[in-house]
Amino acid sequence: MTSPVAVLIGPPGAGKSTVGALLAERLGVAYRDTDADIVAAAGRPIPEIFIDEGEPYFRDLEREAVRVALESHTGVLALGGGAILDTGTRKLLAGLPVVFLDVQLADAIKRVGLDAPRPLLAVNPRKRWRELMEHRRPLYTEVSRAVIATGDRTPEGVVDAIMDALELGQATGDARRAADREEQA
């Protein structure tokens, strides 16, 4: 079975997309975001899915997108902020190199603002963000091999911390050298 080299989880504004793309580039692997997969499959933005079909429908789409990505993607994978709410998804993440990008509210606001089209933060976003994190933080930590605080780090610094936490530098270099030897043989 294939699996991603790293799975990034965390709330909106944690830096999953930015850090995920940088980490994938550094490792020489592909980057994939399950939110982008959902948008591509549905042909419309996530806020529209929430408004037109409701959160349960969106979570069904999300569960399937995560399952497919975990089974087929070998690069860096970023999950939507609420993907860990699903018990089945948490089971799928067991034993994988999952990294929780932890961010405080003030830093998340700086990164995404509170007027971004995020359906679950539409009313009283600061209060709602805190409530979401109270509920989600234990779930994020439950499935994570590493927790990386992103607040006072640059995206590159977060990538360095992930590489260290997952010990990716040595393993990736070994894998690349083995692949190069196979190609030359």
C-alpha atoms as a PDB file:
ATOM      1  CA  MET A   1       0.000   0.000   0.000  1.00  0.00           C
ATOM      2  CA  THR A   2       1.238   3.478  -0.849  1.00  0.00           C
ATOM      3  CA  SER A   3       0.918   6.382   1.526  1.00  0.00           C
ATOM      4  CA  PRO A   4       1.963  10.026   1.642  1.00  0.00           C
ATOM      5  CA  VAL A   5       5.423  10.975   2.872  1.00  0.00           C
ATOM      6  CA  ALA A   6       3.714  13.578   5.095  1.00  0.00           C
ATOM      7  CA  VAL A   7       0.106  14.496   5.888  1.00  0.00           C
ATOM      8  CA  LEU A   8      -0.518  18.034   7.124  1.00  0.00           C
ATOM      9  CA  ILE A   9      -3.497  18.816   9.320  1.00  0.00           C
ATOM     10  CA  GLY A  10      -4.606  21.868  11.259  1.00  0.00           C
ATOM     11  CA  PRO A  11      -7.098  24.718  11.331  1.00  0.00           C
ATOM     12  CA  PRO A  12      -7.565  27.448   8.722  1.00  0.00           C
ATOM     13  CA  GLY A  13      -4.544  29.742   8.726  1.00  0.00           C
ATOM     14  CA  ALA A  14      -2.107  27.122   9.999  1.00  0.00           C
ATOM     15  CA  GLY A  15      -0.189  27.229   6.719  1.00  0.00           C
ATOM     16  CA  LYS A  16      -1.005  23.771   5.361  1.00  0.00           C
ATOM     17  CA  SER A  17      -1.092  24.914   1.727  1.00  0.00           C
ATOM     18  CA  THR A  18       1.988  27.141   1.838  1.00  0.00           C
ATOM     19  CA  VAL A  19       4.068  24.762   3.934  1.00  0.00           C
ATOM     20  CA  GLY A  20       2.817  21.704   2.058  1.00  0.00           C
ATOM     21  CA  ALA A  21       3.925  23.087  -1.303  1.00  0.00           C
ATOM     22  CA  LEU A  22       7.340  24.090   0.102  1.00  0.00           C
ATOM     23  CA  LEU A  23       7.831  20.706   1.790  1.00  0.00           C
ATOM     24  CA  ALA A  24       6.907  18.859  -1.393  1.00  0.00           C
ATOM     25  CA  GLU A  25       9.332  20.988  -3.399  1.00  0.00           C
ATOM     26  CA  ARG A  26      12.126  20.360  -0.896  1.00  0.00           C
ATOM     27  CA  LEU A  27      11.481  16.601  -0.954  1.00  0.00           C
ATOM     28  CA  GLY A  28      11.070  16.444  -4.729  1.00  0.00           C
ATOM     29  CA  VAL A  29       7.564  14.968  -4.484  1.00  0.00           C
ATOM     30  CA  ALA A  30       4.075  16.042  -5.533  1.00  0.00           C
ATOM     31  CA  TYR A  31       1.809  18.191  -3.368  1.00  0.00           C
ATOM     32  CA  ARG A  32      -1.913  17.508  -3.052  1.00  0.00           C
ATOM     33  CA  ASP A  33      -4.707  19.235  -1.128  1.00  0.00           C
ATOM     34  CA  THR A  34      -7.976  17.385  -0.482  1.00  0.00           C
ATOM     35  CA  ASP A  35      -9.921  20.668  -0.447  1.00  0.00           C
ATOM     36  CA  ALA A  36      -8.726  21.282  -4.022  1.00  0.00           C
ATOM     37  CA  ASP A  37      -9.743  17.709  -4.912  1.00  0.00           C
ATOM     38  CA  ILE A  38     -13.262  18.383  -3.583  1.00  0.00           C
ATOM     39  CA  VAL A  39     -13.561  21.654  -5.515  1.00  0.00           C
ATOM     40  CA  ALA A  40     -12.385  19.942  -8.719  1.00  0.00           C
ATOM     41  CA  ALA A  41     -14.778  17.003  -8.296  1.00  0.00           C
ATOM     42  CA  ALA A  42     -17.778  19.149  -7.341  1.00  0.00           C
ATOM     43  CA  GLY A  43     -17.045  21.877  -9.867  1.00  0.00           C
ATOM     44  CA  ARG A  44     -17.776  24.608  -7.330  1.00  0.00           C
ATOM     45  CA  PRO A  45     -16.169  26.242  -4.306  1.00  0.00           C
ATOM     46  CA  ILE A  46     -16.512  24.737  -0.847  1.00  0.00           C
ATOM     47  CA  PRO A  47     -18.605  27.632   0.558  1.00  0.00           C
ATOM     48  CA  GLU A  48     -21.190  26.973  -2.170  1.00  0.00           C
ATOM     49  CA  ILE A  49     -21.300  23.272  -1.266  1.00  0.00           C
ATOM     50  CA  PHE A  50     -21.884  24.199   2.377  1.00  0.00           C
ATOM     51  CA  ILE A  51     -24.636  26.675   1.495  1.00  0.00           C
ATOM     52  CA  ASP A  52     -26.391  24.570  -1.158  1.00  0.00           C
ATOM     53  CA  GLU A  53     -25.993  21.069   0.270  1.00  0.00           C
ATOM     54  CA  GLY A  54     -25.061  21.532   3.935  1.00  0.00           C
ATOM     55  CA  GLU A  55     -22.130  20.479   6.069  1.00  0.00           C
ATOM     56  CA  PRO A  56     -23.024  16.738   6.267  1.00  0.00           C
ATOM     57  CA  TYR A  57     -22.941  16.475   2.462  1.00  0.00           C
ATOM     58  CA  PHE A  58     -19.600  18.310   2.356  1.00  0.00           C
ATOM     59  CA  ARG A  59     -18.161  16.016   5.045  1.00  0.00           C
ATOM     60  CA  ASP A  60     -19.172  12.988   2.938  1.00  0.00           C
ATOM     61  CA  LEU A  61     -17.282  14.439  -0.028  1.00  0.00           C
ATOM     62  CA  GLU A  62     -14.339  15.222   2.215  1.00  0.00           C
ATOM     63  CA  ARG A  63     -14.229  11.713   3.726  1.00  0.00           C
ATOM     64  CA  GLU A  64     -14.071  10.175   0.249  1.00  0.00           C
ATOM     65  CA  ALA A  65     -11.470  12.667  -1.002  1.00  0.00           C
ATOM     66  CA  VAL A  66      -9.226  11.911   1.970  1.00  0.00           C
ATOM     67  CA  ARG A  67      -9.629   8.146   1.560  1.00  0.00           C
ATOM     68  CA  VAL A  68      -8.714   8.288  -2.136  1.00  0.00           C
ATOM     69  CA  ALA A  69      -5.753  10.594  -1.532  1.00  0.00           C
ATOM     70  CA  LEU A  70      -4.374   8.478   1.315  1.00  0.00           C
ATOM     71  CA  GLU A  71      -4.563   5.362  -0.870  1.00  0.00           C
ATOM     72  CA  SER A  72      -3.019   6.862  -3.984  1.00  0.00           C
ATOM     73  CA  HIS A  73      -0.782   9.834  -3.129  1.00  0.00           C
ATOM     74  CA  THR A  74       2.856   9.330  -2.182  1.00  0.00           C
ATOM     75  CA  GLY A  75       3.889  12.975  -1.811  1.00  0.00           C
ATOM     76  CA  VAL A  76       2.840  15.647   0.661  1.00  0.00           C
ATOM     77  CA  LEU A  77      -0.877  15.755   1.424  1.00  0.00           C
ATOM     78  CA  ALA A  78      -2.795  18.583   3.111  1.00  0.00           C
ATOM     79  CA  LEU A  79      -6.226  17.866   4.591  1.00  0.00           C
ATOM     80  CA  GLY A  80      -9.030  20.338   5.151  1.00  0.00           C
ATOM     81  CA  GLY A  81      -9.297  21.673   8.686  1.00  0.00           C
ATOM     82  CA  GLY A  82     -12.325  19.558   9.586  1.00  0.00           C
ATOM     83  CA  ALA A  83     -11.274  16.270   7.986  1.00  0.00           C
ATOM     84  CA  ILE A  84     -10.212  14.870  11.356  1.00  0.00           C
ATOM     85  CA  LEU A  85     -13.773  15.148  12.667  1.00  0.00           C
ATOM     86  CA  ASP A  86     -14.613  11.865  10.928  1.00  0.00           C
ATOM     87  CA  THR A  87     -13.832   8.755  12.989  1.00  0.00           C
ATOM     88  CA  GLY A  88     -13.096   6.729   9.851  1.00  0.00           C
ATOM     89  CA  THR A  89     -10.637   9.341   8.614  1.00  0.00           C
ATOM     90  CA  ARG A  90      -8.848   9.341  11.959  1.00  0.00           C
ATOM     91  CA  LYS A  91      -8.532   5.551  11.708  1.00  0.00           C
ATOM     92  CA  LEU A  92      -7.071   5.879   8.195  1.00  0.00           C
ATOM     93  CA  LEU A  93      -4.483   8.334   9.541  1.00  0.00           C
ATOM     94  CA  ALA A  94      -3.292   5.942  12.259  1.00  0.00           C
ATOM     95  CA  GLY A  95       0.375   5.122  11.830  1.00  0.00           C
ATOM     96  CA  LEU A  96       0.927   7.644   9.035  1.00  0.00           C
ATOM     97  CA  PRO A  97       3.384  10.566   9.186  1.00  0.00           C
ATOM     98  CA  VAL A  98       0.761  13.122  10.243  1.00  0.00           C
ATOM     99  CA  VAL A  99       1.863  16.603  11.297  1.00  0.00           C
ATOM    100  CA  PHE A 100      -0.456  18.971  13.161  1.00  0.00           C
ATOM    101  CA  LEU A 101       0.408  22.549  12.218  1.00  0.00           C
ATOM    102  CA  ASP A 102      -0.681  24.352  15.352  1.00  0.00           C
ATOM    103  CA  VAL A 103      -1.519  28.031  15.081  1.00  0.00           C
ATOM    104  CA  GLN A 104      -2.895  30.562  17.523  1.00  0.00           C
ATOM    105  CA  LEU A 105      -5.899  32.714  16.608  1.00  0.00           C
ATOM    106  CA  ALA A 106      -3.899  35.949  16.200  1.00  0.00           C
ATOM    107  CA  ASP A 107      -1.553  34.297  13.699  1.00  0.00           C
ATOM    108  CA  ALA A 108      -4.404  32.633  11.810  1.00  0.00           C
ATOM    109  CA  ILE A 109      -6.121  36.026  11.467  1.00  0.00           C
ATOM    110  CA  LYS A 110      -2.942  37.573  10.056  1.00  0.00           C
ATOM    111  CA  ARG A 111      -2.710  34.787   7.489  1.00  0.00           C
ATOM    112  CA  VAL A 112      -6.285  34.352   6.273  1.00  0.00           C
ATOM    113  CA  GLY A 113      -8.194  37.231   7.818  1.00  0.00           C
ATOM    114  CA  LEU A 114     -11.638  36.799   9.217  1.00  0.00           C
ATOM    115  CA  ASP A 115     -13.486  37.856   6.098  1.00  0.00           C
ATOM    116  CA  ALA A 116     -12.271  34.927   4.009  1.00  0.00           C
ATOM    117  CA  PRO A 117     -15.051  32.701   2.610  1.00  0.00           C
ATOM    118  CA  ARG A 118     -14.985  30.091   5.366  1.00  0.00           C
ATOM    119  CA  PRO A 119     -18.496  28.807   6.043  1.00  0.00           C
ATOM    120  CA  LEU A 120     -17.892  27.673   9.606  1.00  0.00           C
ATOM    121  CA  LEU A 121     -16.459  31.063  10.571  1.00  0.00           C
ATOM    122  CA  ALA A 122     -19.188  33.211   9.016  1.00  0.00           C
ATOM    123  CA  VAL A 123     -20.800  34.400  12.257  1.00  0.00           C
ATOM    124  CA  ASN A 124     -18.599  35.783  15.075  1.00  0.00           C
ATOM    125  CA  PRO A 125     -15.430  34.318  13.564  1.00  0.00           C
ATOM    126  CA  ARG A 126     -13.116  34.827  16.561  1.00  0.00           C
ATOM    127  CA  LYS A 127     -15.483  33.097  18.962  1.00  0.00           C
ATOM    128  CA  ARG A 128     -16.283  30.365  16.443  1.00  0.00           C
ATOM    129  CA  TRP A 129     -12.578  29.731  15.705  1.00  0.00           C
ATOM    130  CA  ARG A 130     -11.891  29.290  19.439  1.00  0.00           C
ATOM    131  CA  GLU A 131     -14.846  26.882  19.758  1.00  0.00           C
ATOM    132  CA  LEU A 132     -13.684  24.871  16.741  1.00  0.00           C
ATOM    133  CA  MET A 133     -10.190  24.595  18.182  1.00  0.00           C
ATOM    134  CA  GLU A 134     -11.462  23.523  21.616  1.00  0.00           C
ATOM    135  CA  HIS A 135     -13.235  20.650  19.899  1.00  0.00           C
ATOM    136  CA  ARG A 136     -10.638  19.851  17.235  1.00  0.00           C
ATOM    137  CA  ARG A 137      -7.306  20.266  19.065  1.00  0.00           C
ATOM    138  CA  PRO A 138      -7.602  16.885  20.869  1.00  0.00           C
ATOM    139  CA  LEU A 139      -8.462  15.221  17.541  1.00  0.00           C
ATOM    140  CA  TYR A 140      -5.533  16.870  15.753  1.00  0.00           C
ATOM    141  CA  THR A 141      -3.131  15.738  18.464  1.00  0.00           C
ATOM    142  CA  GLU A 142      -4.664  12.237  18.629  1.00  0.00           C
ATOM    143  CA  VAL A 143      -3.678  11.436  15.031  1.00  0.00           C
ATOM    144  CA  SER A 144      -0.393  13.354  14.864  1.00  0.00           C
ATOM    145  CA  ARG A 145       3.099  11.994  14.974  1.00  0.00           C
ATOM    146  CA  ALA A 146       4.368  15.562  15.403  1.00  0.00           C
ATOM    147  CA  VAL A 147       2.911  18.893  16.497  1.00  0.00           C
ATOM    148  CA  ILE A 148       4.609  21.953  15.034  1.00  0.00           C
ATOM    149  CA  ALA A 149       3.781  25.417  16.370  1.00  0.00           C
ATOM    150  CA  THR A 150       3.773  27.747  13.372  1.00  0.00           C
ATOM    151  CA  GLY A 151       3.319  31.117  15.112  1.00  0.00           C
ATOM    152  CA  ASP A 152       6.840  32.510  15.206  1.00  0.00           C
ATOM    153  CA  ARG A 153       8.263  30.499  12.316  1.00  0.00           C
ATOM    154  CA  THR A 154       8.590  31.331   8.663  1.00  0.00           C
ATOM    155  CA  PRO A 155       7.103  28.791   6.238  1.00  0.00           C
ATOM    156  CA  GLU A 156      10.653  27.582   5.567  1.00  0.00           C
ATOM    157  CA  GLY A 157      11.222  27.243   9.323  1.00  0.00           C
ATOM    158  CA  VAL A 158       8.063  25.134   9.602  1.00  0.00           C
ATOM    159  CA  VAL A 159       9.333  22.921   6.764  1.00  0.00           C
ATOM    160  CA  ASP A 160      12.648  22.506   8.611  1.00  0.00           C
ATOM    161  CA  ALA A 161      10.769  21.535  11.789  1.00  0.00           C
ATOM    162  CA  ILE A 162       8.671  18.976   9.873  1.00  0.00           C
ATOM    163  CA  MET A 163      11.760  17.511   8.220  1.00  0.00           C
ATOM    164  CA  ASP A 164      13.406  17.128  11.640  1.00  0.00           C
ATOM    165  CA  ALA A 165      10.280  15.779  13.371  1.00  0.00           C
ATOM    166  CA  LEU A 166       9.631  13.144  10.707  1.00  0.00           C
ATOM    167  CA  GLU A 167      13.333  12.547  10.018  1.00  0.00           C
ATOM    168  CA  LEU A 168      12.678  13.103   6.329  1.00  0.00           C
ATOM    169  CA  GLY A 169      16.061  14.397   5.240  1.00  0.00           C
ATOM    170  CA  GLN A 170      17.983  11.117   5.569  1.00  0.00           C
ATOM    171  CA  ALA A 171      15.162   8.829   4.443  1.00  0.00           C
ATOM    172  CA  THR A 172      14.363  10.955   1.402  1.00  0.00           C
ATOM    173  CA  GLY A 173      18.009  11.187   0.389  1.00  0.00           C
ATOM    174  CA  ASP A 174      18.387   7.403   0.696  1.00  0.00           C
ATOM    175  CA  ALA A 175      15.256   6.834  -1.403  1.00  0.00           C
ATOM    176  CA  ARG A 176      16.444   9.255  -4.093  1.00  0.00           C
ATOM    177  CA  ARG A 177      19.862   7.599  -4.288  1.00  0.00           C
ATOM    178  CA  ALA A 178      18.246   4.157  -4.585  1.00  0.00           C
ATOM    179  CA  ALA A 179      15.947   5.404  -7.363  1.00  0.00           C
ATOM    180  CA  ASP A 180      18.910   6.960  -9.185  1.00  0.00           C
ATOM    181  CA  ARG A 181      20.822   3.661  -8.970  1.00  0.00           C
ATOM    182  CA  GLU A 182      17.825   1.766 -10.405  1.00  0.00           C
ATOM    183  CA  GLU A 183      17.557   4.190 -13.319  1.00  0.00           C
ATOM    184  CA  GLN A 184      21.267   3.833 -14.110  1.00  0.00           C
ATOM    185  CA  ALA A 185      21.200   0.020 -13.939  1.00  0.00           C
END
